[in-house]
């Protein structure tokens, strides 16, 4: 088993452990936070993990009004989001249709890959100073750091 499958297994194990330790977690919410994408981890061993060369080009801002705003390299987007938090610092999250500009970003760019991944987000987990968004059907994990 390669590191990518272990990463997904660790994510799920950590969520299960945290579920039993609800008194040890810190109350956190997505609303009102901003993040920069640092890695895209695929559950496909052949694809592995991709470091985002410039995290400032891939951001998400969760508004307090259930709307999210995105920077996807040279494109911008927005759409609604829904969250169902758990008592352990994780929960389910999904984005509604995301309207984006359609500029052709200079290649190579991760804009299309990230846009597709965002439409498949199913859950979230706060771990240390990172936000991990898990994709449907064990499709991978998007890891974000706080935006300044």
N, C-alpha and C. Protein backbone atom coordinates (compact mmCIF):
# COMPACT_ATOMS: atom_id res chain seq x y z
N UNK A 1 0.86 -1.18 0.00
CA UNK A 1 0.00 0.00 0.00
C UNK A 1 0.90 1.23 0.00
N UNK A 2 0.59 2.14 -0.86
CA UNK A 2 1.40 3.35 -0.94
C UNK A 2 0.86 4.41 0.00
N UNK A 3 1.61 5.49 0.10
CA UNK A 3 1.31 6.57 1.03
C UNK A 3 -0.08 7.17 0.81
N UNK A 4 -0.55 7.27 -0.44
CA UNK A 4 -1.83 7.92 -0.69
C UNK A 4 -2.98 7.15 -0.05
N UNK A 5 -2.97 5.84 -0.15
CA UNK A 5 -4.03 5.04 0.48
C UNK A 5 -3.92 5.14 1.99
N UNK A 6 -2.69 5.16 2.50
CA UNK A 6 -2.50 5.31 3.94
C UNK A 6 -3.02 6.66 4.39
N UNK A 7 -2.82 7.71 3.58
CA UNK A 7 -3.31 9.04 3.94
C UNK A 7 -4.82 9.05 4.09
N UNK A 8 -5.51 8.41 3.16
CA UNK A 8 -6.97 8.34 3.25
C UNK A 8 -7.39 7.53 4.46
N UNK A 9 -6.68 6.42 4.73
CA UNK A 9 -7.00 5.59 5.89
C UNK A 9 -6.74 6.35 7.18
N UNK A 10 -5.65 7.12 7.23
CA UNK A 10 -5.34 7.91 8.41
C UNK A 10 -6.43 8.95 8.63
N UNK A 11 -6.89 9.59 7.56
CA UNK A 11 -7.96 10.59 7.65
C UNK A 11 -9.21 9.98 8.28
N UNK A 12 -9.61 8.81 7.78
CA UNK A 12 -10.81 8.18 8.30
C UNK A 12 -10.61 7.70 9.74
N UNK A 13 -9.42 7.17 10.04
CA UNK A 13 -9.13 6.72 11.40
C UNK A 13 -9.14 7.89 12.37
N UNK A 14 -8.55 9.01 11.95
CA UNK A 14 -8.51 10.18 12.81
C UNK A 14 -9.91 10.69 13.10
N UNK A 15 -10.76 10.69 12.10
CA UNK A 15 -12.14 11.14 12.31
C UNK A 15 -12.84 10.22 13.31
N UNK A 16 -12.60 8.92 13.21
CA UNK A 16 -13.21 7.98 14.15
C UNK A 16 -12.68 8.18 15.56
N UNK A 17 -11.39 8.42 15.69
CA UNK A 17 -10.80 8.65 17.01
C UNK A 17 -11.36 9.92 17.62
N UNK A 18 -11.44 10.97 16.81
CA UNK A 18 -11.95 12.23 17.32
C UNK A 18 -13.41 12.13 17.73
N UNK A 19 -14.15 11.25 17.08
CA UNK A 19 -15.56 11.08 17.44
C UNK A 19 -15.69 10.60 18.88
N UNK A 20 -14.73 9.84 19.35
CA UNK A 20 -14.75 9.36 20.73
C UNK A 20 -14.14 10.32 21.72
N UNK A 21 -13.60 11.43 21.24
CA UNK A 21 -12.90 12.39 22.11
C UNK A 21 -13.51 13.77 21.98
N UNK A 22 -14.82 13.87 22.00
CA UNK A 22 -15.45 15.15 21.73
C UNK A 22 -15.08 16.22 22.74
N UNK A 23 -14.71 15.85 23.94
CA UNK A 23 -14.35 16.87 24.92
C UNK A 23 -12.95 17.42 24.68
N UNK A 24 -12.15 16.73 23.86
CA UNK A 24 -10.77 17.15 23.63
C UNK A 24 -10.63 18.05 22.40
N UNK A 25 -11.69 18.26 21.65
CA UNK A 25 -11.56 19.08 20.45
C UNK A 25 -11.94 20.53 20.72
N UNK A 26 -11.52 21.34 19.82
CA UNK A 26 -11.81 22.77 19.88
C UNK A 26 -12.97 23.05 18.93
N UNK A 27 -13.96 23.82 19.36
CA UNK A 27 -15.08 24.18 18.51
C UNK A 27 -14.58 25.01 17.34
N UNK A 28 -14.82 24.52 16.13
CA UNK A 28 -14.42 25.26 14.93
C UNK A 28 -15.55 25.21 13.93
N UNK A 29 -15.59 26.21 13.10
CA UNK A 29 -16.63 26.29 12.08
C UNK A 29 -15.99 26.73 10.76
N UNK A 30 -16.63 26.39 9.67
CA UNK A 30 -16.15 26.82 8.36
C UNK A 30 -16.56 28.27 8.07
N UNK A 31 -17.74 28.66 8.51
CA UNK A 31 -18.27 30.00 8.22
C UNK A 31 -17.31 31.08 8.70
N UNK A 32 -17.02 32.01 7.80
CA UNK A 32 -16.15 33.13 8.15
C UNK A 32 -14.66 32.82 8.07
N UNK A 33 -14.29 31.70 7.44
CA UNK A 33 -12.87 31.35 7.34
C UNK A 33 -12.42 31.37 5.88
N UNK A 34 -11.10 31.55 5.69
CA UNK A 34 -10.50 31.56 4.35
C UNK A 34 -9.30 30.63 4.34
N UNK A 35 -9.11 29.93 3.22
CA UNK A 35 -8.09 28.88 3.13
C UNK A 35 -7.37 28.93 1.79
N UNK A 36 -6.13 28.42 1.81
CA UNK A 36 -5.31 28.27 0.60
C UNK A 36 -5.01 26.79 0.43
N UNK A 37 -5.18 26.28 -0.78
CA UNK A 37 -4.96 24.87 -1.08
C UNK A 37 -3.47 24.57 -1.13
N UNK A 38 -3.03 23.55 -0.39
CA UNK A 38 -1.61 23.18 -0.38
C UNK A 38 -1.32 21.84 -1.03
N UNK A 39 -2.24 20.86 -0.90
CA UNK A 39 -2.03 19.57 -1.56
C UNK A 39 -3.34 18.96 -2.01
N UNK A 40 -3.23 18.17 -3.06
CA UNK A 40 -4.32 17.36 -3.57
C UNK A 40 -3.84 15.92 -3.47
N UNK A 41 -4.52 15.14 -2.64
CA UNK A 41 -4.11 13.75 -2.47
C UNK A 41 -5.17 12.86 -3.10
N UNK A 42 -4.73 12.04 -4.04
CA UNK A 42 -5.63 11.12 -4.71
C UNK A 42 -5.60 9.78 -3.99
N UNK A 43 -6.71 9.07 -4.01
CA UNK A 43 -6.71 7.72 -3.47
C UNK A 43 -6.16 6.73 -4.49
N UNK A 44 -5.96 7.19 -5.71
CA UNK A 44 -5.35 6.39 -6.77
C UNK A 44 -3.84 6.41 -6.59
N UNK A 45 -3.26 5.25 -6.31
CA UNK A 45 -1.82 5.18 -6.05
C UNK A 45 -0.99 5.73 -7.21
N UNK A 46 -1.48 5.59 -8.43
CA UNK A 46 -0.71 6.09 -9.58
C UNK A 46 -0.66 7.61 -9.62
N UNK A 47 -1.70 8.26 -9.16
CA UNK A 47 -1.72 9.72 -9.15
C UNK A 47 -1.01 10.29 -7.94
N UNK A 48 -1.15 9.65 -6.79
CA UNK A 48 -0.44 10.08 -5.58
C UNK A 48 -0.88 11.44 -5.08
N UNK A 49 0.07 12.18 -4.56
CA UNK A 49 -0.17 13.48 -3.95
C UNK A 49 0.45 14.57 -4.81
N UNK A 50 -0.28 15.67 -5.00
CA UNK A 50 0.21 16.79 -5.80
C UNK A 50 0.31 18.02 -4.91
N UNK A 51 1.51 18.56 -4.81
CA UNK A 51 1.69 19.82 -4.08
C UNK A 51 1.25 20.96 -4.98
N UNK A 52 0.54 21.91 -4.42
CA UNK A 52 0.09 23.08 -5.19
C UNK A 52 1.25 24.08 -5.20
N UNK A 53 1.79 24.40 -6.38
CA UNK A 53 2.98 25.27 -6.45
C UNK A 53 2.79 26.64 -5.82
N UNK A 54 1.62 27.26 -6.01
CA UNK A 54 1.36 28.59 -5.45
C UNK A 54 -0.02 28.59 -4.78
N UNK A 55 -0.07 28.26 -3.47
CA UNK A 55 -1.35 28.18 -2.78
C UNK A 55 -2.19 29.46 -2.84
N UNK A 56 -1.57 30.62 -3.06
CA UNK A 56 -2.35 31.86 -3.13
C UNK A 56 -3.26 31.90 -4.36
N UNK A 57 -3.02 31.02 -5.34
CA UNK A 57 -3.84 30.99 -6.55
C UNK A 57 -5.05 30.07 -6.42
N UNK A 58 -5.14 29.35 -5.30
CA UNK A 58 -6.25 28.43 -5.08
C UNK A 58 -6.78 28.64 -3.68
N UNK A 59 -7.85 29.40 -3.58
CA UNK A 59 -8.38 29.76 -2.27
C UNK A 59 -9.88 29.51 -2.20
N UNK A 60 -10.35 29.35 -0.97
CA UNK A 60 -11.79 29.30 -0.71
C UNK A 60 -12.05 30.17 0.51
N UNK A 61 -13.11 30.94 0.41
CA UNK A 61 -13.57 31.75 1.54
C UNK A 61 -15.01 31.34 1.83
N UNK A 62 -15.23 30.83 3.03
CA UNK A 62 -16.56 30.42 3.46
C UNK A 62 -17.25 31.63 4.09
N UNK A 63 -18.25 32.15 3.42
CA UNK A 63 -18.99 33.28 3.96
C UNK A 63 -19.89 32.84 5.10
N UNK A 64 -20.36 33.81 5.86
CA UNK A 64 -21.28 33.51 6.96
C UNK A 64 -22.72 33.37 6.47
N UNK A 65 -22.93 33.55 5.17
CA UNK A 65 -24.27 33.48 4.58
C UNK A 65 -24.45 32.23 3.71
N UNK A 66 -23.67 31.18 3.99
CA UNK A 66 -23.73 29.91 3.25
C UNK A 66 -23.32 30.06 1.78
N UNK A 67 -22.51 31.06 1.50
CA UNK A 67 -21.93 31.21 0.16
C UNK A 67 -20.42 31.09 0.28
N UNK A 68 -19.82 30.47 -0.73
CA UNK A 68 -18.37 30.31 -0.77
C UNK A 68 -17.83 31.03 -2.01
N UNK A 69 -16.64 31.56 -1.86
CA UNK A 69 -15.97 32.29 -2.95
C UNK A 69 -14.64 31.61 -3.21
N UNK A 70 -14.33 31.42 -4.48
CA UNK A 70 -13.16 30.64 -4.88
C UNK A 70 -12.23 31.43 -5.79
N UNK A 71 -10.95 31.19 -5.65
CA UNK A 71 -9.95 31.60 -6.63
C UNK A 71 -9.38 30.28 -7.15
N UNK A 72 -9.51 30.04 -8.44
CA UNK A 72 -9.04 28.81 -9.06
C UNK A 72 -8.03 29.19 -10.13
N UNK A 73 -6.82 29.49 -9.70
CA UNK A 73 -5.75 29.99 -10.55
C UNK A 73 -6.19 31.32 -11.15
N UNK A 74 -6.45 31.39 -12.46
CA UNK A 74 -6.82 32.67 -13.07
C UNK A 74 -8.34 32.87 -13.10
N UNK A 75 -9.09 31.93 -12.58
CA UNK A 75 -10.55 32.03 -12.56
C UNK A 75 -11.08 32.28 -11.16
N UNK A 76 -12.23 32.91 -11.10
CA UNK A 76 -12.92 33.14 -9.83
C UNK A 76 -14.27 32.44 -9.90
N UNK A 77 -14.78 32.08 -8.74
CA UNK A 77 -16.07 31.43 -8.71
C UNK A 77 -16.77 31.65 -7.39
N UNK A 78 -18.05 31.29 -7.36
CA UNK A 78 -18.82 31.34 -6.12
C UNK A 78 -19.98 30.38 -6.22
N UNK A 79 -20.49 30.01 -5.06
CA UNK A 79 -21.62 29.11 -5.00
C UNK A 79 -22.01 28.88 -3.55
N UNK A 80 -23.13 28.25 -3.37
CA UNK A 80 -23.60 27.95 -2.02
C UNK A 80 -22.89 26.73 -1.44
N UNK A 81 -22.94 26.63 -0.11
CA UNK A 81 -22.42 25.44 0.55
C UNK A 81 -23.32 25.10 1.72
N UNK A 82 -23.36 23.82 2.06
CA UNK A 82 -24.10 23.36 3.22
C UNK A 82 -23.15 22.56 4.11
N UNK A 83 -23.34 22.71 5.41
CA UNK A 83 -22.48 22.05 6.39
C UNK A 83 -23.35 21.37 7.43
N UNK A 84 -22.96 20.17 7.79
CA UNK A 84 -23.57 19.46 8.91
C UNK A 84 -22.44 19.05 9.83
N UNK A 85 -22.13 19.89 10.84
CA UNK A 85 -21.00 19.59 11.72
C UNK A 85 -21.30 18.42 12.65
N UNK A 86 -20.23 17.72 13.01
CA UNK A 86 -20.30 16.68 14.04
C UNK A 86 -19.73 17.27 15.31
N UNK A 87 -19.80 16.54 16.38
CA UNK A 87 -19.30 17.02 17.67
C UNK A 87 -17.79 16.90 17.78
N UNK A 88 -17.13 16.41 16.75
CA UNK A 88 -15.71 16.11 16.87
C UNK A 88 -14.80 16.98 16.01
N UNK A 89 -15.28 18.11 15.47
CA UNK A 89 -14.44 18.96 14.63
C UNK A 89 -14.44 18.53 13.18
N UNK A 90 -15.34 17.65 12.82
CA UNK A 90 -15.48 17.23 11.44
C UNK A 90 -16.96 17.32 11.07
N UNK A 91 -17.28 16.90 9.87
CA UNK A 91 -18.67 16.90 9.47
C UNK A 91 -18.80 16.73 7.98
N UNK A 92 -20.01 16.85 7.49
CA UNK A 92 -20.22 16.78 6.06
C UNK A 92 -20.33 18.20 5.52
N UNK A 93 -19.87 18.36 4.31
CA UNK A 93 -19.96 19.65 3.63
C UNK A 93 -20.12 19.36 2.14
N UNK A 94 -20.92 20.17 1.48
CA UNK A 94 -21.04 20.05 0.03
C UNK A 94 -21.24 21.44 -0.55
N UNK A 95 -20.79 21.57 -1.76
CA UNK A 95 -20.95 22.82 -2.50
C UNK A 95 -22.05 22.64 -3.52
N UNK A 96 -22.90 23.66 -3.66
CA UNK A 96 -23.89 23.66 -4.72
C UNK A 96 -23.18 23.93 -6.04
N UNK A 97 -23.92 24.17 -7.09
CA UNK A 97 -23.25 24.51 -8.34
C UNK A 97 -22.33 25.72 -8.13
N UNK A 98 -21.12 25.62 -8.65
CA UNK A 98 -20.15 26.71 -8.53
C UNK A 98 -20.06 27.41 -9.89
N UNK A 99 -20.43 28.67 -9.91
CA UNK A 99 -20.32 29.48 -11.13
C UNK A 99 -18.91 30.04 -11.20
N UNK A 100 -18.22 29.80 -12.30
CA UNK A 100 -16.85 30.28 -12.43
C UNK A 100 -16.66 31.02 -13.74
N UNK A 101 -15.65 31.88 -13.74
CA UNK A 101 -15.23 32.48 -15.00
C UNK A 101 -14.60 31.38 -15.83
N UNK A 102 -14.46 31.58 -17.11
CA UNK A 102 -14.00 30.53 -18.01
C UNK A 102 -12.71 30.91 -18.75
N UNK A 103 -11.83 31.63 -18.06
CA UNK A 103 -10.58 32.01 -18.69
C UNK A 103 -9.69 30.79 -18.85
N UNK A 104 -8.87 30.80 -19.87
CA UNK A 104 -7.90 29.73 -20.06
C UNK A 104 -6.63 30.12 -19.30
N UNK A 105 -6.37 29.43 -18.22
CA UNK A 105 -5.20 29.73 -17.40
C UNK A 105 -3.94 29.23 -18.10
N UNK A 106 -2.81 29.93 -17.93
CA UNK A 106 -1.56 29.44 -18.50
C UNK A 106 -1.27 28.03 -17.97
N UNK A 107 -0.83 27.17 -18.85
CA UNK A 107 -0.55 25.79 -18.47
C UNK A 107 0.91 25.62 -18.05
N UNK A 108 1.20 24.70 -17.17
CA UNK A 108 0.26 23.77 -16.55
C UNK A 108 -0.50 24.47 -15.42
N UNK A 109 -1.77 24.11 -15.28
CA UNK A 109 -2.61 24.67 -14.23
C UNK A 109 -3.47 23.57 -13.63
N UNK A 110 -3.77 23.71 -12.37
CA UNK A 110 -4.62 22.75 -11.66
C UNK A 110 -6.06 23.23 -11.59
N UNK A 111 -6.42 24.30 -12.31
CA UNK A 111 -7.74 24.90 -12.15
C UNK A 111 -8.88 23.92 -12.43
N UNK A 112 -8.81 23.15 -13.50
CA UNK A 112 -9.89 22.22 -13.83
C UNK A 112 -9.95 21.06 -12.83
N UNK A 113 -8.79 20.56 -12.42
CA UNK A 113 -8.73 19.47 -11.45
C UNK A 113 -9.34 19.90 -10.11
N UNK A 114 -9.01 21.10 -9.67
CA UNK A 114 -9.54 21.59 -8.40
C UNK A 114 -11.04 21.86 -8.51
N UNK A 115 -11.48 22.45 -9.61
CA UNK A 115 -12.91 22.71 -9.80
C UNK A 115 -13.71 21.41 -9.77
N UNK A 116 -13.21 20.38 -10.43
CA UNK A 116 -13.88 19.08 -10.43
C UNK A 116 -13.89 18.49 -9.02
N UNK A 117 -12.77 18.58 -8.33
CA UNK A 117 -12.70 18.04 -6.96
C UNK A 117 -13.69 18.75 -6.04
N UNK A 118 -13.81 20.06 -6.16
CA UNK A 118 -14.72 20.81 -5.29
C UNK A 118 -16.17 20.36 -5.46
N UNK A 119 -16.53 19.97 -6.67
CA UNK A 119 -17.90 19.50 -6.89
C UNK A 119 -18.13 18.12 -6.28
N UNK A 120 -17.06 17.45 -5.85
CA UNK A 120 -17.17 16.13 -5.25
C UNK A 120 -16.85 16.10 -3.76
N UNK A 121 -16.76 17.26 -3.12
CA UNK A 121 -16.45 17.30 -1.69
C UNK A 121 -17.62 16.73 -0.90
N UNK A 122 -17.30 15.92 0.10
CA UNK A 122 -18.33 15.29 0.92
C UNK A 122 -18.17 15.56 2.41
N UNK A 123 -16.93 15.77 2.87
CA UNK A 123 -16.72 15.94 4.30
C UNK A 123 -15.55 16.84 4.60
N UNK A 124 -15.44 17.23 5.87
CA UNK A 124 -14.32 18.05 6.29
C UNK A 124 -13.81 17.60 7.65
N UNK A 125 -12.57 17.94 7.91
CA UNK A 125 -11.94 17.65 9.20
C UNK A 125 -10.91 18.73 9.47
N UNK A 126 -10.98 19.34 10.65
CA UNK A 126 -9.94 20.25 11.10
C UNK A 126 -8.90 19.40 11.82
N UNK A 127 -7.65 19.56 11.44
CA UNK A 127 -6.54 18.88 12.13
C UNK A 127 -5.41 19.88 12.25
N UNK A 128 -5.06 20.21 13.51
CA UNK A 128 -4.06 21.24 13.77
C UNK A 128 -4.50 22.52 13.07
N UNK A 129 -3.66 23.09 12.22
CA UNK A 129 -4.04 24.33 11.54
C UNK A 129 -4.49 24.07 10.10
N UNK A 130 -4.84 22.85 9.77
CA UNK A 130 -5.23 22.47 8.42
C UNK A 130 -6.70 22.11 8.34
N UNK A 131 -7.26 22.35 7.16
CA UNK A 131 -8.61 21.91 6.83
C UNK A 131 -8.46 20.84 5.75
N UNK A 132 -9.04 19.67 6.00
CA UNK A 132 -8.99 18.57 5.04
C UNK A 132 -10.40 18.36 4.51
N UNK A 133 -10.57 18.47 3.20
CA UNK A 133 -11.86 18.22 2.56
C UNK A 133 -11.76 16.87 1.85
N UNK A 134 -12.59 15.92 2.29
CA UNK A 134 -12.57 14.59 1.67
C UNK A 134 -13.56 14.57 0.50
N UNK A 135 -13.21 13.78 -0.51
CA UNK A 135 -14.03 13.67 -1.70
C UNK A 135 -14.90 12.42 -1.65
N UNK A 136 -16.00 12.45 -2.38
CA UNK A 136 -16.91 11.31 -2.43
C UNK A 136 -16.20 10.06 -2.92
N UNK A 137 -16.73 8.93 -2.51
CA UNK A 137 -16.25 7.62 -2.96
C UNK A 137 -14.76 7.44 -2.75
N UNK A 138 -14.26 7.94 -1.62
CA UNK A 138 -12.83 7.82 -1.29
C UNK A 138 -11.97 8.36 -2.45
N UNK A 139 -12.43 9.47 -3.04
CA UNK A 139 -11.75 10.03 -4.21
C UNK A 139 -10.49 10.80 -3.89
N UNK A 140 -10.24 11.13 -2.64
CA UNK A 140 -9.04 11.85 -2.28
C UNK A 140 -9.31 12.90 -1.21
N UNK A 141 -8.29 13.72 -0.97
CA UNK A 141 -8.38 14.72 0.07
C UNK A 141 -7.72 16.02 -0.42
N UNK A 142 -8.40 17.13 -0.23
CA UNK A 142 -7.83 18.45 -0.50
C UNK A 142 -7.40 19.02 0.85
N UNK A 143 -6.13 19.40 0.97
CA UNK A 143 -5.63 19.93 2.22
C UNK A 143 -5.36 21.42 2.07
N UNK A 144 -5.89 22.21 3.01
CA UNK A 144 -5.84 23.67 2.96
C UNK A 144 -5.16 24.21 4.21
N UNK A 145 -4.46 25.33 4.07
CA UNK A 145 -3.91 26.05 5.21
C UNK A 145 -4.65 27.38 5.33
N UNK A 146 -4.65 27.98 6.52
CA UNK A 146 -5.36 29.26 6.67
C UNK A 146 -4.78 30.33 5.73
N UNK A 147 -5.64 31.10 5.14
CA UNK A 147 -5.19 32.24 4.31
C UNK A 147 -4.86 33.40 5.24
N UNK A 148 -3.83 34.17 4.89
CA UNK A 148 -3.47 35.31 5.76
C UNK A 148 -4.54 36.38 5.75
